Structure formats: C-alpha cells, structure tokens
C-alpha cells in the first residue's frame, strides 16, 4: 500500500470524515 496525498493529509490532520478514502 503506497501513501497517497490523501493518506498524508489524513495523517497530518485526522478528521472523522472518510478516513483512507479518496476525494
């Protein structure tokens, strides 16, 4: 599993709205 920009964003500021989901 590669880290995508979305994964990095969720890692920096984890929000309860679609974790590990693509925009």
N, C-alpha and C. Protein backbone atom coordinates (compact mmCIF):
# COMPACT_ATOMS: atom_id res chain seq x y z
N UNK A 1 0.84 -1.21 0.00
CA UNK A 1 0.00 0.00 0.00
C UNK A 1 0.87 1.25 0.00
N UNK A 2 0.71 2.02 -1.04
CA UNK A 2 1.51 3.25 -1.14
C UNK A 2 0.77 4.41 -0.50
N UNK A 3 1.54 5.38 -0.03
CA UNK A 3 0.93 6.54 0.63
C UNK A 3 0.58 7.61 -0.40
N UNK A 4 -0.70 7.91 -0.46
CA UNK A 4 -1.15 8.93 -1.39
C UNK A 4 -1.25 10.28 -0.70
N UNK A 5 -1.49 11.31 -1.49
CA UNK A 5 -1.60 12.66 -0.92
C UNK A 5 -2.74 12.71 0.09
N UNK A 6 -3.79 11.95 -0.18
CA UNK A 6 -4.93 11.92 0.73
C UNK A 6 -4.53 11.26 2.04
N UNK A 7 -3.74 10.19 1.93
CA UNK A 7 -3.28 9.48 3.13
C UNK A 7 -2.42 10.40 3.99
N UNK A 8 -1.56 11.17 3.33
CA UNK A 8 -0.69 12.10 4.05
C UNK A 8 -1.52 13.17 4.74
N UNK A 9 -2.52 13.65 4.04
CA UNK A 9 -3.39 14.70 4.59
C UNK A 9 -4.14 14.20 5.81
N UNK A 10 -4.65 12.96 5.72
CA UNK A 10 -5.39 12.40 6.84
C UNK A 10 -4.46 12.11 8.00
N UNK A 11 -3.21 11.82 7.68
CA UNK A 11 -2.23 11.50 8.73
C UNK A 11 -1.84 12.78 9.48
N UNK A 12 -1.75 13.88 8.75
CA UNK A 12 -1.37 15.15 9.38
C UNK A 12 -2.52 15.70 10.21
N UNK A 13 -3.72 15.63 9.67
CA UNK A 13 -4.89 16.10 10.42
C UNK A 13 -6.04 15.11 10.25
N UNK A 14 -6.06 14.09 11.11
CA UNK A 14 -7.10 13.06 11.07
C UNK A 14 -8.48 13.59 11.39
N UNK A 15 -9.36 13.55 10.39
CA UNK A 15 -10.73 14.03 10.60
C UNK A 15 -11.72 12.87 10.44
N UNK A 16 -12.80 12.93 11.19
CA UNK A 16 -13.81 11.88 11.17
C UNK A 16 -14.71 11.93 9.93
N UNK A 17 -14.09 12.23 8.77
CA UNK A 17 -14.92 12.26 7.57
C UNK A 17 -14.21 11.52 6.44
N UNK A 18 -14.48 10.21 6.35
CA UNK A 18 -13.91 9.41 5.27
C UNK A 18 -12.42 9.22 5.45
N UNK A 19 -12.04 8.32 6.36
CA UNK A 19 -10.61 8.08 6.57
C UNK A 19 -10.12 7.06 5.56
N UNK A 20 -8.98 7.35 4.92
CA UNK A 20 -8.42 6.43 3.95
C UNK A 20 -9.27 6.36 2.69
N UNK A 21 -10.04 7.41 2.45
CA UNK A 21 -10.89 7.44 1.25
C UNK A 21 -10.39 8.51 0.30
N UNK A 22 -10.51 8.23 -0.97
CA UNK A 22 -10.06 9.19 -1.98
C UNK A 22 -11.12 10.26 -2.18
N UNK A 23 -10.67 11.45 -2.54
CA UNK A 23 -11.61 12.56 -2.71
C UNK A 23 -12.45 12.36 -3.98
